[in-house]
Structure formats: structure tokens, C-alpha cells
């Protein structure tokens, strides 16, 4: 939790300025909270690290608990410390401002830290969340990003596109290269493959 002290303080400053009506930042607090509480992946069962240690008999007794899908929000990517310590069923935070006003103290603390981190580096953090999201989550996050300033969106979406394409290339099987790509590995291949558009 000590690692969250600095971003939580930065987030508290942003929240305090917003509450007083002084905060006129390029990226608003409401927009940041909406992004943090957006689902970035489909709901999924608790993973091994989220499950309590229990015997096989106890697992059978608590089977219903272990098979409840958990909502996965961007907050857990921006504040992984929260993801590690929050009780599994209490991880999901209410959307937007409701998460701050109606959530637990732990949830409010995590949101403050998330706001602090987003306010310091919104572009890189938004790109990082998009990269670990599934296709549906990316759509929801991009919808939330529409409320962000155009200057930020013009950096986030191209940055995400480049990194996403780079990951796909790294995952794809190796293909024969032409001389240009052997000299400069970053250069696009000049070999035409049937069915590709030029």
C-alpha cells in the first residue's frame, strides 16, 4: 500500500480541486473515473491467485463462490496493487462517480490512486489498458475515451494501433524475408503474397 501513497495524494489533489470547482484540467476527473470503472475484459472466474487457500473438501463446499464470474475493470490494470489486495467479490467498483461516493474506503483509495496515475500519464496508461483488454473491452474503453480531449485521443489510438500491430507481428510465425528486411529488420517485407492488397 505504500507504493500507492504518492499517486493517491496526487489523485486527492485532483479530486479536491474538482470538488471546489477549481479543477479545469484538460482531462477531467469525471472522464478519468469513467475510464477506470469501464470493463476492459469479460467477467471471468476468480483465478488461482484470487482464490483463498482451501482443502479439496472446502472447495466443494464453496463451489458456488468459486464459480461466480468477476467483473474486470480498467482500475485493476491502472492500480494492480488494488487487484492484489481487494477481496475478490468486492473488486468491482460502481461506474463513474458512484464508485467514489458509494464504494468502500479501499475502493475510494484505489480510485484516488488511479486518478493520480492517470493525471500524470494519461496517454501511456490508456494505451497499456487497451493492450491488455479483449475486443469488447477495447470497444467500451474507446467509447469512454470519446469524452477525453482530442489531443489525448490523437496520441492514444495511434499509439495503441502501433503497439498492437507490433505484438501481432511478434506472435505470427516467421516468414521468409527479402533482402531489404534482412538489412533493416524493421523494414516492411517487399515480397508480395497473393490475395494481399498493395
N, C-alpha and C. Protein backbone atom coordinates (compact mmCIF):
# COMPACT_ATOMS: atom_id res chain seq x y z
N UNK A 1 0.82 -1.21 0.00
CA UNK A 1 0.00 0.00 0.00
C UNK A 1 0.87 1.27 0.00
N UNK A 2 2.10 1.13 0.48
CA UNK A 2 3.00 2.29 0.50
C UNK A 2 3.26 2.80 -0.91
N UNK A 3 3.27 1.87 -1.89
CA UNK A 3 3.51 2.27 -3.28
C UNK A 3 2.39 3.15 -3.81
N UNK A 4 1.22 3.08 -3.19
CA UNK A 4 0.07 3.87 -3.65
C UNK A 4 -0.01 5.24 -3.02
N UNK A 5 0.87 5.51 -2.06
CA UNK A 5 0.77 6.78 -1.33
C UNK A 5 0.92 7.99 -2.24
N UNK A 6 1.96 7.99 -3.08
CA UNK A 6 2.19 9.15 -3.97
C UNK A 6 1.07 9.34 -4.98
N UNK A 7 0.67 8.28 -5.75
CA UNK A 7 -0.43 8.51 -6.69
C UNK A 7 -1.75 8.83 -6.00
N UNK A 8 -1.98 8.28 -4.80
CA UNK A 8 -3.22 8.59 -4.08
C UNK A 8 -3.25 10.06 -3.66
N UNK A 9 -2.09 10.59 -3.25
CA UNK A 9 -2.02 12.01 -2.90
C UNK A 9 -2.26 12.88 -4.13
N UNK A 10 -1.65 12.49 -5.25
CA UNK A 10 -1.86 13.25 -6.50
C UNK A 10 -3.32 13.21 -6.91
N UNK A 11 -3.95 12.04 -6.78
CA UNK A 11 -5.37 11.91 -7.09
C UNK A 11 -6.24 12.73 -6.16
N UNK A 12 -5.87 12.76 -4.87
CA UNK A 12 -6.63 13.55 -3.89
C UNK A 12 -6.59 15.03 -4.23
N UNK A 13 -5.44 15.50 -4.75
CA UNK A 13 -5.32 16.91 -5.15
C UNK A 13 -6.28 17.20 -6.31
N UNK A 14 -6.31 16.28 -7.30
CA UNK A 14 -7.22 16.45 -8.44
C UNK A 14 -8.67 16.42 -7.97
N UNK A 15 -8.99 15.47 -7.10
CA UNK A 15 -10.37 15.35 -6.58
C UNK A 15 -10.76 16.58 -5.78
N UNK A 16 -9.84 17.08 -4.96
CA UNK A 16 -10.13 18.26 -4.15
C UNK A 16 -10.36 19.48 -5.03
N UNK A 17 -9.53 19.64 -6.05
CA UNK A 17 -9.70 20.78 -6.98
C UNK A 17 -11.04 20.68 -7.69
N UNK A 18 -11.41 19.46 -8.10
CA UNK A 18 -12.69 19.27 -8.79
C UNK A 18 -13.86 19.59 -7.85
N UNK A 19 -13.77 19.11 -6.60
CA UNK A 19 -14.86 19.34 -5.62
C UNK A 19 -15.03 20.83 -5.32
N UNK A 20 -13.94 21.59 -5.35
CA UNK A 20 -14.00 23.02 -5.09
C UNK A 20 -14.37 23.82 -6.33
N UNK A 21 -14.41 23.14 -7.47
CA UNK A 21 -14.73 23.84 -8.71
C UNK A 21 -13.52 24.52 -9.33
N UNK A 22 -12.31 24.22 -8.77
CA UNK A 22 -11.10 24.84 -9.30
C UNK A 22 -10.49 24.04 -10.43
N UNK A 23 -10.79 22.74 -10.48
CA UNK A 23 -10.13 21.87 -11.45
C UNK A 23 -10.64 22.09 -12.86
N UNK A 24 -9.85 22.67 -13.67
CA UNK A 24 -10.20 22.87 -15.08
C UNK A 24 -9.12 22.24 -15.95
N UNK A 25 -8.79 21.00 -15.57
CA UNK A 25 -7.73 20.29 -16.30
C UNK A 25 -8.21 19.92 -17.70
N UNK A 26 -7.23 19.66 -18.59
CA UNK A 26 -7.57 19.22 -19.94
C UNK A 26 -8.33 17.90 -19.89
N UNK A 27 -7.91 17.02 -18.96
CA UNK A 27 -8.61 15.75 -18.76
C UNK A 27 -9.32 15.83 -17.43
N UNK A 28 -10.64 15.76 -17.47
CA UNK A 28 -11.44 15.94 -16.26
C UNK A 28 -11.48 14.72 -15.37
N UNK A 29 -11.76 14.95 -14.10
CA UNK A 29 -11.84 13.88 -13.12
C UNK A 29 -12.96 12.90 -13.44
N UNK A 30 -14.10 13.41 -13.91
CA UNK A 30 -15.24 12.55 -14.24
C UNK A 30 -14.87 11.60 -15.38
N UNK A 31 -14.15 12.11 -16.38
CA UNK A 31 -13.72 11.29 -17.51
C UNK A 31 -12.74 10.21 -17.05
N UNK A 32 -11.86 10.56 -16.11
CA UNK A 32 -10.91 9.58 -15.60
C UNK A 32 -11.64 8.47 -14.83
N UNK A 33 -12.60 8.85 -14.00
CA UNK A 33 -13.36 7.84 -13.23
C UNK A 33 -14.15 6.93 -14.16
N UNK A 34 -14.71 7.50 -15.21
CA UNK A 34 -15.47 6.68 -16.17
C UNK A 34 -14.54 5.66 -16.83
N UNK A 35 -13.33 6.07 -17.18
CA UNK A 35 -12.36 5.16 -17.80
C UNK A 35 -11.96 4.07 -16.82
N UNK A 36 -11.64 4.45 -15.59
CA UNK A 36 -11.18 3.49 -14.58
C UNK A 36 -12.22 2.43 -14.27
N UNK A 37 -13.49 2.80 -14.32
CA UNK A 37 -14.55 1.85 -13.94
C UNK A 37 -15.17 1.16 -15.14
N UNK A 38 -14.58 1.32 -16.31
CA UNK A 38 -15.06 0.63 -17.52
C UNK A 38 -14.54 -0.80 -17.52
N UNK A 39 -15.38 -1.74 -17.91
CA UNK A 39 -14.96 -3.14 -18.02
C UNK A 39 -14.01 -3.29 -19.20
N UNK A 40 -12.83 -3.79 -18.94
CA UNK A 40 -11.85 -3.94 -20.02
C UNK A 40 -11.77 -5.39 -20.52
N UNK A 41 -12.32 -6.31 -19.76
CA UNK A 41 -12.36 -7.71 -20.17
C UNK A 41 -13.71 -8.30 -19.77
N UNK A 42 -14.04 -9.43 -20.36
CA UNK A 42 -15.25 -10.12 -19.95
C UNK A 42 -15.13 -10.56 -18.51
N UNK A 43 -16.27 -10.66 -17.85
CA UNK A 43 -16.27 -11.22 -16.49
C UNK A 43 -15.71 -12.63 -16.55
N UNK A 44 -14.91 -12.98 -15.56
CA UNK A 44 -14.29 -14.31 -15.55
C UNK A 44 -14.23 -14.86 -14.13
N UNK A 45 -14.04 -16.16 -14.05
CA UNK A 45 -13.95 -16.81 -12.75
C UNK A 45 -12.70 -16.34 -12.01
N UNK A 46 -12.71 -16.38 -10.68
CA UNK A 46 -11.51 -16.00 -9.93
C UNK A 46 -10.33 -16.86 -10.36
N UNK A 47 -9.19 -16.22 -10.62
CA UNK A 47 -8.00 -17.01 -10.97
C UNK A 47 -7.37 -17.56 -9.70
N UNK A 48 -6.33 -18.36 -9.87
CA UNK A 48 -5.74 -19.06 -8.71
C UNK A 48 -5.27 -18.08 -7.64
N UNK A 49 -4.65 -16.98 -8.05
CA UNK A 49 -4.14 -16.02 -7.06
C UNK A 49 -5.27 -15.32 -6.30
N UNK A 50 -6.47 -15.29 -6.86
CA UNK A 50 -7.60 -14.64 -6.19
C UNK A 50 -8.35 -15.59 -5.26
N UNK A 51 -8.13 -16.88 -5.42
CA UNK A 51 -8.86 -17.85 -4.62
C UNK A 51 -8.16 -18.06 -3.28
N UNK A 52 -8.95 -18.16 -2.21
CA UNK A 52 -8.34 -18.46 -0.91
C UNK A 52 -7.78 -19.88 -0.90
N UNK A 53 -6.76 -20.10 -0.10
CA UNK A 53 -6.22 -21.46 0.04
C UNK A 53 -7.22 -22.28 0.84
N UNK A 54 -7.59 -23.40 0.29
CA UNK A 54 -8.55 -24.26 0.98
C UNK A 54 -8.38 -25.70 0.53
N UNK A 55 -8.84 -26.58 1.38
CA UNK A 55 -8.74 -28.01 1.07
C UNK A 55 -9.71 -28.38 -0.04
N UNK A 56 -9.55 -29.59 -0.55
CA UNK A 56 -10.45 -30.07 -1.60
C UNK A 56 -11.88 -30.11 -1.12
N UNK A 57 -12.07 -30.54 0.13
CA UNK A 57 -13.42 -30.58 0.70
C UNK A 57 -14.04 -29.19 0.80
N UNK A 58 -13.21 -28.21 1.23
CA UNK A 58 -13.70 -26.83 1.34
C UNK A 58 -14.02 -26.27 -0.04
N UNK A 59 -13.23 -26.65 -1.04
CA UNK A 59 -13.50 -26.20 -2.41
C UNK A 59 -14.86 -26.70 -2.87
N UNK A 60 -15.18 -27.94 -2.51
CA UNK A 60 -16.50 -28.48 -2.89
C UNK A 60 -17.60 -27.70 -2.17
N UNK A 61 -17.36 -27.38 -0.89
CA UNK A 61 -18.37 -26.65 -0.12
C UNK A 61 -18.59 -25.24 -0.66
N UNK A 62 -17.50 -24.63 -1.15
CA UNK A 62 -17.57 -23.25 -1.65
C UNK A 62 -17.57 -23.19 -3.17
N UNK A 63 -18.04 -24.24 -3.80
CA UNK A 63 -18.05 -24.31 -5.26
C UNK A 63 -18.81 -23.12 -5.87
N UNK A 64 -19.93 -22.75 -5.27
CA UNK A 64 -20.74 -21.63 -5.81
C UNK A 64 -19.92 -20.33 -5.81
N UNK A 65 -19.16 -20.11 -4.73
CA UNK A 65 -18.33 -18.91 -4.63
C UNK A 65 -17.24 -18.91 -5.71
N UNK A 66 -16.62 -20.06 -5.91
CA UNK A 66 -15.50 -20.17 -6.84
C UNK A 66 -15.94 -20.11 -8.30
N UNK A 67 -17.24 -20.18 -8.53
CA UNK A 67 -17.73 -20.15 -9.92
C UNK A 67 -18.54 -18.89 -10.22
N UNK A 68 -18.38 -17.86 -9.40
CA UNK A 68 -19.03 -16.56 -9.67
C UNK A 68 -18.10 -15.74 -10.57
N UNK A 69 -18.53 -15.38 -11.76
CA UNK A 69 -17.66 -14.55 -12.62
C UNK A 69 -17.46 -13.16 -12.01
N UNK A 70 -16.24 -12.68 -12.08
CA UNK A 70 -15.88 -11.38 -11.51
C UNK A 70 -15.74 -10.36 -12.64
N UNK A 71 -16.35 -9.19 -12.44
CA UNK A 71 -16.25 -8.11 -13.42
C UNK A 71 -14.81 -7.58 -13.41
N UNK A 72 -14.24 -7.41 -14.60
CA UNK A 72 -12.85 -6.95 -14.73
C UNK A 72 -12.84 -5.52 -15.26
N UNK A 73 -12.35 -4.60 -14.44
CA UNK A 73 -12.35 -3.18 -14.79
C UNK A 73 -10.94 -2.65 -15.01
N UNK A 74 -10.85 -1.55 -15.74
CA UNK A 74 -9.56 -0.92 -16.03
C UNK A 74 -8.82 -0.54 -14.74
N UNK A 75 -9.55 -0.27 -13.67
CA UNK A 75 -8.93 0.10 -12.40
C UNK A 75 -7.89 -0.92 -11.96
N UNK A 76 -8.18 -2.21 -12.18
CA UNK A 76 -7.25 -3.25 -11.72
C UNK A 76 -5.97 -3.28 -12.54
N UNK A 77 -5.99 -2.70 -13.73
CA UNK A 77 -4.78 -2.59 -14.55
C UNK A 77 -3.98 -1.36 -14.14
N UNK A 78 -4.68 -0.25 -13.94
CA UNK A 78 -4.02 1.01 -13.56
C UNK A 78 -3.48 0.93 -12.14
N UNK A 79 -4.21 0.24 -11.26
CA UNK A 79 -3.80 0.09 -9.85
C UNK A 79 -3.71 -1.41 -9.53
N UNK A 80 -2.66 -2.09 -10.01
CA UNK A 80 -2.56 -3.54 -9.77
C UNK A 80 -2.46 -3.90 -8.29
N UNK A 81 -2.00 -2.94 -7.47
CA UNK A 81 -1.93 -3.19 -6.03
C UNK A 81 -3.33 -3.45 -5.47
N UNK A 82 -4.32 -2.72 -5.98
CA UNK A 82 -5.71 -2.93 -5.56
C UNK A 82 -6.18 -4.32 -5.98
N UNK A 83 -5.81 -4.70 -7.18
CA UNK A 83 -6.19 -6.02 -7.69
C UNK A 83 -5.66 -7.13 -6.79
N UNK A 84 -4.48 -6.91 -6.21
CA UNK A 84 -3.86 -7.94 -5.37
C UNK A 84 -4.46 -8.03 -3.98
N UNK A 85 -4.95 -6.91 -3.44
CA UNK A 85 -5.40 -6.94 -2.04
C UNK A 85 -6.91 -6.91 -1.86
N UNK A 86 -7.66 -6.49 -2.85
CA UNK A 86 -9.12 -6.37 -2.69
C UNK A 86 -9.77 -7.75 -2.62
N UNK A 87 -10.75 -7.91 -1.73
CA UNK A 87 -11.49 -9.17 -1.70
C UNK A 87 -12.11 -9.43 -3.07
N UNK A 88 -12.04 -10.66 -3.52
CA UNK A 88 -12.39 -10.97 -4.90
C UNK A 88 -13.81 -10.53 -5.28
N UNK A 89 -14.78 -10.75 -4.39
CA UNK A 89 -16.16 -10.38 -4.73
C UNK A 89 -16.41 -8.88 -4.59
N UNK A 90 -15.51 -8.18 -3.90
CA UNK A 90 -15.68 -6.73 -3.70
C UNK A 90 -14.83 -5.92 -4.66
N UNK A 91 -14.15 -6.59 -5.60
CA UNK A 91 -13.27 -5.87 -6.53
C UNK A 91 -14.03 -4.91 -7.44
N UNK A 92 -15.13 -5.32 -8.06
CA UNK A 92 -15.81 -4.40 -8.98
C UNK A 92 -16.27 -3.13 -8.25
N UNK A 93 -16.05 -2.00 -8.91
CA UNK A 93 -16.41 -0.69 -8.36
C UNK A 93 -17.56 -0.13 -9.18
N UNK A 94 -18.47 0.57 -8.53
CA UNK A 94 -19.59 1.17 -9.27
C UNK A 94 -19.07 2.14 -10.32
N UNK A 95 -19.82 2.27 -11.40
CA UNK A 95 -19.40 3.10 -12.54
C UNK A 95 -19.26 4.57 -12.17
N UNK A 96 -18.24 5.19 -12.72
CA UNK A 96 -18.08 6.64 -12.62
C UNK A 96 -18.02 7.18 -11.21
N UNK A 97 -18.71 8.29 -11.00
CA UNK A 97 -18.73 8.95 -9.69
C UNK A 97 -19.33 8.09 -8.60
N UNK A 98 -20.22 7.16 -8.97
CA UNK A 98 -20.84 6.30 -7.96
C UNK A 98 -19.79 5.45 -7.24
N UNK A 99 -18.74 5.07 -7.95
CA UNK A 99 -17.67 4.30 -7.32
C UNK A 99 -17.01 5.07 -6.21
N UNK A 100 -16.89 6.36 -6.40
CA UNK A 100 -16.25 7.21 -5.39
C UNK A 100 -17.18 7.50 -4.23
N UNK A 101 -18.44 7.73 -4.52
CA UNK A 101 -19.39 8.13 -3.47
C UNK A 101 -20.03 6.96 -2.75
N UNK A 102 -20.14 5.81 -3.42
CA UNK A 102 -20.86 4.69 -2.82
C UNK A 102 -19.98 3.46 -2.58
N UNK A 103 -18.69 3.56 -2.91
CA UNK A 103 -17.80 2.43 -2.73
C UNK A 103 -17.23 2.37 -1.32
N UNK A 104 -16.46 1.32 -1.05
CA UNK A 104 -15.80 1.17 0.25
C UNK A 104 -14.61 2.13 0.32
N UNK A 105 -14.01 2.24 1.51
CA UNK A 105 -12.82 3.09 1.67
C UNK A 105 -11.68 2.58 0.80
N UNK A 106 -11.54 1.26 0.70
CA UNK A 106 -10.49 0.69 -0.14
C UNK A 106 -10.72 1.04 -1.61
N UNK A 107 -11.96 0.96 -2.06
CA UNK A 107 -12.28 1.30 -3.44
C UNK A 107 -12.02 2.78 -3.72
N UNK A 108 -12.41 3.65 -2.77
CA UNK A 108 -12.19 5.09 -2.95
C UNK A 108 -10.69 5.40 -2.99
N UNK A 109 -9.92 4.72 -2.14
CA UNK A 109 -8.47 4.91 -2.11
C UNK A 109 -7.86 4.48 -3.44
N UNK A 110 -8.31 3.32 -3.95
CA UNK A 110 -7.80 2.82 -5.23
C UNK A 110 -8.17 3.77 -6.37
N UNK A 111 -9.39 4.29 -6.35
CA UNK A 111 -9.81 5.24 -7.39
C UNK A 111 -8.98 6.52 -7.33
N UNK A 112 -8.70 7.00 -6.11
CA UNK A 112 -7.86 8.19 -5.96
C UNK A 112 -6.47 7.94 -6.55
N UNK A 113 -5.91 6.75 -6.27
CA UNK A 113 -4.60 6.40 -6.82
C UNK A 113 -4.67 6.30 -8.35
N UNK A 114 -5.76 5.73 -8.85
CA UNK A 114 -5.94 5.62 -10.30
C UNK A 114 -6.04 6.98 -10.96
N UNK A 115 -6.77 7.90 -10.34
CA UNK A 115 -6.88 9.26 -10.86
C UNK A 115 -5.51 9.94 -10.84
N UNK A 116 -4.75 9.71 -9.76
CA UNK A 116 -3.41 10.29 -9.68
C UNK A 116 -2.51 9.79 -10.79
N UNK A 117 -2.54 8.48 -11.05
CA UNK A 117 -1.69 7.92 -12.11
C UNK A 117 -2.15 8.39 -13.49
N UNK A 118 -3.46 8.41 -13.70
CA UNK A 118 -3.96 8.87 -15.00
C UNK A 118 -3.64 10.34 -15.24
N UNK A 119 -3.75 11.16 -14.20
CA UNK A 119 -3.49 12.60 -14.39
C UNK A 119 -2.02 12.86 -14.71
N UNK A 120 -1.12 11.96 -14.25
CA UNK A 120 0.31 12.15 -14.51
C UNK A 120 0.71 11.65 -15.90
N UNK A 121 0.08 10.57 -16.38
CA UNK A 121 0.50 9.99 -17.65
C UNK A 121 -0.71 9.34 -18.36
N UNK A 122 -1.69 10.14 -18.78
CA UNK A 122 -2.92 9.57 -19.32
C UNK A 122 -2.73 8.76 -20.60
N UNK A 123 -1.85 9.21 -21.47
CA UNK A 123 -1.70 8.55 -22.77
C UNK A 123 -1.13 7.15 -22.63
N UNK A 124 0.02 7.03 -21.96
CA UNK A 124 0.65 5.72 -21.83
C UNK A 124 -0.18 4.75 -21.01
N UNK A 125 -0.85 5.24 -19.99
CA UNK A 125 -1.68 4.35 -19.17
C UNK A 125 -2.88 3.87 -19.96
N UNK A 126 -3.51 4.75 -20.71
CA UNK A 126 -4.67 4.35 -21.52
C UNK A 126 -4.25 3.32 -22.56
N UNK A 127 -3.09 3.51 -23.19
CA UNK A 127 -2.59 2.55 -24.18
C UNK A 127 -2.33 1.20 -23.50
N UNK A 128 -1.72 1.22 -22.31
CA UNK A 128 -1.42 -0.03 -21.59
C UNK A 128 -2.70 -0.80 -21.27
N UNK A 129 -3.75 -0.10 -20.88
CA UNK A 129 -5.03 -0.76 -20.56
C UNK A 129 -5.63 -1.35 -21.83
N UNK A 130 -5.62 -0.59 -22.92
CA UNK A 130 -6.16 -1.10 -24.18
C UNK A 130 -5.44 -2.36 -24.63
N UNK A 131 -4.13 -2.42 -24.43
CA UNK A 131 -3.35 -3.57 -24.88
C UNK A 131 -3.70 -4.87 -24.16
N UNK A 132 -4.13 -4.77 -22.90
CA UNK A 132 -4.46 -6.00 -22.15
C UNK A 132 -5.96 -6.28 -22.15
N UNK A 133 -6.71 -5.52 -22.92
CA UNK A 133 -8.15 -5.69 -22.97
C UNK A 133 -8.57 -6.63 -24.09
N UNK A 134 -9.74 -7.26 -23.93
CA UNK A 134 -10.26 -8.06 -25.04
C UNK A 134 -10.97 -7.13 -26.03
N UNK A 135 -11.44 -7.68 -27.13
CA UNK A 135 -12.00 -6.85 -28.21
C UNK A 135 -13.21 -6.05 -27.72
N UNK A 136 -14.10 -6.70 -26.97
CA UNK A 136 -15.27 -5.98 -26.45
C UNK A 136 -14.85 -4.89 -25.48
N UNK A 137 -13.88 -5.20 -24.64
CA UNK A 137 -13.38 -4.21 -23.69
C UNK A 137 -12.75 -3.03 -24.38
N UNK A 138 -12.01 -3.29 -25.46
CA UNK A 138 -11.42 -2.19 -26.22
C UNK A 138 -12.50 -1.27 -26.77
N UNK A 139 -13.59 -1.86 -27.24
CA UNK A 139 -14.70 -1.05 -27.73
C UNK A 139 -15.29 -0.18 -26.64
N UNK A 140 -15.47 -0.76 -25.43
CA UNK A 140 -16.02 0.02 -24.31
C UNK A 140 -15.06 1.13 -23.90
N UNK A 141 -13.77 0.80 -23.86
CA UNK A 141 -12.78 1.81 -23.46
C UNK A 141 -12.69 2.94 -24.48
N UNK A 142 -12.75 2.59 -25.76
CA UNK A 142 -12.71 3.63 -26.80
C UNK A 142 -13.94 4.53 -26.70
N UNK A 143 -15.06 3.94 -26.32
CA UNK A 143 -16.27 4.75 -26.11
C UNK A 143 -16.06 5.73 -24.96
N UNK A 144 -15.44 5.24 -23.86
CA UNK A 144 -15.15 6.12 -22.72
C UNK A 144 -14.15 7.20 -23.10
N UNK A 145 -13.22 6.86 -23.98
CA UNK A 145 -12.20 7.83 -24.40
C UNK A 145 -12.76 8.97 -25.25
N UNK A 146 -13.95 8.78 -25.80
CA UNK A 146 -14.55 9.84 -26.63
C UNK A 146 -14.77 11.12 -25.84
N UNK A 147 -14.88 11.00 -24.52
CA UNK A 147 -15.07 12.18 -23.67
C UNK A 147 -13.74 12.86 -23.33
N UNK A 148 -12.63 12.22 -23.66
CA UNK A 148 -11.32 12.78 -23.37
C UNK A 148 -10.98 13.84 -24.42
N UNK A 149 -10.04 14.73 -24.10
CA UNK A 149 -9.65 15.77 -25.07
C UNK A 149 -9.12 15.15 -26.36
N UNK A 150 -9.41 15.81 -27.47
CA UNK A 150 -8.99 15.33 -28.78
C UNK A 150 -7.47 15.17 -28.85
N UNK A 151 -6.73 16.06 -28.22
CA UNK A 151 -5.27 15.98 -28.24
C UNK A 151 -4.77 14.67 -27.63
N UNK A 152 -5.43 14.21 -26.56
CA UNK A 152 -5.05 12.94 -25.93
C UNK A 152 -5.43 11.77 -26.83
N UNK A 153 -6.64 11.81 -27.39
CA UNK A 153 -7.10 10.71 -28.24
C UNK A 153 -6.21 10.56 -29.47
N UNK A 154 -5.72 11.67 -30.00
CA UNK A 154 -4.86 11.62 -31.18
C UNK A 154 -3.52 10.95 -30.88
N UNK A 155 -3.16 10.87 -29.63
CA UNK A 155 -1.93 10.18 -29.25
C UNK A 155 -2.21 8.75 -28.78
N UNK A 156 -3.35 8.54 -28.14
CA UNK A 156 -3.65 7.21 -27.58
C UNK A 156 -3.94 6.19 -28.68
N UNK A 157 -4.88 6.50 -29.56
CA UNK A 157 -5.33 5.50 -30.53
C UNK A 157 -4.24 5.10 -31.53
N UNK A 158 -3.47 6.06 -32.10
CA UNK A 158 -2.37 5.62 -32.97
C UNK A 158 -1.30 4.84 -32.20
N UNK A 159 -1.01 5.27 -30.98
CA UNK A 159 -0.02 4.56 -30.16
C UNK A 159 -0.45 3.13 -29.89
N UNK A 160 -1.73 2.96 -29.58
CA UNK A 160 -2.27 1.62 -29.36
C UNK A 160 -2.20 0.80 -30.64
N UNK A 161 -2.54 1.42 -31.78
CA UNK A 161 -2.52 0.71 -33.06
C UNK A 161 -1.13 0.19 -33.40
N UNK A 162 -0.11 1.03 -33.18
CA UNK A 162 1.27 0.63 -33.49
C UNK A 162 1.71 -0.51 -32.59
N UNK A 163 1.49 -0.37 -31.28
CA UNK A 163 1.93 -1.41 -30.34
C UNK A 163 1.17 -2.71 -30.54
N UNK A 164 -0.12 -2.60 -30.86
CA UNK A 164 -0.93 -3.78 -31.11
C UNK A 164 -0.44 -4.53 -32.34
N UNK A 165 -0.13 -3.78 -33.40
CA UNK A 165 0.38 -4.39 -34.63
C UNK A 165 1.74 -5.03 -34.39
N UNK A 166 2.58 -4.38 -33.60
CA UNK A 166 3.89 -4.92 -33.28
C UNK A 166 3.77 -6.24 -32.54
N UNK A 167 2.81 -6.32 -31.61
CA UNK A 167 2.59 -7.57 -30.88
C UNK A 167 2.11 -8.68 -31.81
N UNK A 168 1.22 -8.33 -32.73
CA UNK A 168 0.72 -9.33 -33.67
C UNK A 168 1.85 -9.87 -34.54
N UNK A 169 2.73 -8.98 -34.99
CA UNK A 169 3.86 -9.40 -35.82
C UNK A 169 4.77 -10.33 -35.01
N UNK A 170 5.01 -9.99 -33.75
CA UNK A 170 5.87 -10.81 -32.90
C UNK A 170 5.27 -12.20 -32.66
N UNK A 171 3.92 -12.27 -32.62
CA UNK A 171 3.26 -13.55 -32.37
C UNK A 171 3.12 -14.40 -33.62
N UNK A 172 3.13 -13.76 -34.80
CA UNK A 172 2.91 -14.51 -36.04
C UNK A 172 4.14 -15.35 -36.37
N UNK A 173 3.93 -16.50 -37.06
CA UNK A 173 5.08 -17.35 -37.42
C UNK A 173 6.04 -16.61 -38.33
N UNK A 174 7.30 -16.96 -38.22
CA UNK A 174 8.33 -16.31 -39.03
C UNK A 174 8.11 -16.65 -40.51
N UNK A 175 8.22 -15.64 -41.36
CA UNK A 175 8.05 -15.82 -42.80
C UNK A 175 9.35 -15.46 -43.50
N UNK A 176 9.57 -15.97 -44.73
CA UNK A 176 10.79 -15.61 -45.45
C UNK A 176 10.88 -14.11 -45.66
N UNK A 177 12.08 -13.58 -45.50
CA UNK A 177 12.27 -12.14 -45.68
C UNK A 177 13.00 -11.88 -46.98
N UNK A 178 12.77 -10.68 -47.53
CA UNK A 178 13.53 -10.28 -48.71
C UNK A 178 14.80 -9.58 -48.24
N UNK A 179 15.64 -9.18 -49.18
CA UNK A 179 16.92 -8.58 -48.84
C UNK A 179 16.77 -7.30 -48.03
N UNK A 180 15.76 -6.48 -48.33
CA UNK A 180 15.59 -5.21 -47.62
C UNK A 180 15.31 -5.45 -46.15
N UNK A 181 14.48 -6.46 -45.83
CA UNK A 181 14.15 -6.69 -44.43
C UNK A 181 15.31 -7.37 -43.70
N UNK A 182 16.21 -8.06 -44.42
CA UNK A 182 17.37 -8.64 -43.77
C UNK A 182 18.37 -7.55 -43.39
N UNK A 183 18.50 -6.54 -44.25
CA UNK A 183 19.41 -5.43 -43.94
C UNK A 183 18.84 -4.59 -42.82
N UNK A 184 17.55 -4.28 -42.90
CA UNK A 184 16.86 -3.47 -41.90
C UNK A 184 15.67 -4.26 -41.38
N UNK A 185 15.83 -4.97 -40.22
CA UNK A 185 14.74 -5.82 -39.73
C UNK A 185 13.43 -5.08 -39.51
N UNK A 186 13.48 -3.78 -39.33
CA UNK A 186 12.25 -3.01 -39.11
C UNK A 186 11.53 -2.66 -40.40
N UNK A 187 12.18 -2.89 -41.55
CA UNK A 187 11.58 -2.52 -42.83
C UNK A 187 10.50 -3.51 -43.22
N UNK A 188 9.42 -3.05 -43.85
CA UNK A 188 8.37 -3.98 -44.29
C UNK A 188 8.88 -4.87 -45.41
N UNK A 189 8.34 -6.09 -45.45
CA UNK A 189 8.76 -7.03 -46.48
C UNK A 189 8.25 -6.58 -47.85
N UNK A 190 9.07 -6.80 -48.88
CA UNK A 190 8.68 -6.42 -50.23
C UNK A 190 8.12 -7.61 -51.00
N UNK A 191 8.08 -8.78 -50.36
CA UNK A 191 7.55 -9.97 -51.02
C UNK A 191 6.04 -9.87 -51.09
N UNK A 192 5.47 -9.92 -52.29
CA UNK A 192 4.02 -9.85 -52.46
C UNK A 192 3.43 -11.24 -52.27
N UNK A 193 2.42 -11.33 -51.45
CA UNK A 193 1.73 -12.60 -51.24
C UNK A 193 0.37 -12.50 -51.86
N UNK A 194 -0.02 -13.51 -52.59
CA UNK A 194 -1.31 -13.49 -53.28
C UNK A 194 -2.45 -13.20 -52.34
N UNK A 195 -3.39 -12.37 -52.81
CA UNK A 195 -4.57 -12.05 -52.01
C UNK A 195 -4.39 -10.82 -51.14
N UNK A 196 -3.15 -10.32 -51.03
CA UNK A 196 -2.94 -9.12 -50.22
C UNK A 196 -3.19 -7.88 -51.04
N UNK A 197 -3.71 -6.85 -50.41
CA UNK A 197 -3.86 -5.59 -51.10
C UNK A 197 -2.54 -4.85 -51.06
N UNK A 198 -2.26 -4.10 -52.12
CA UNK A 198 -0.98 -3.38 -52.17
C UNK A 198 -1.12 -2.00 -51.61
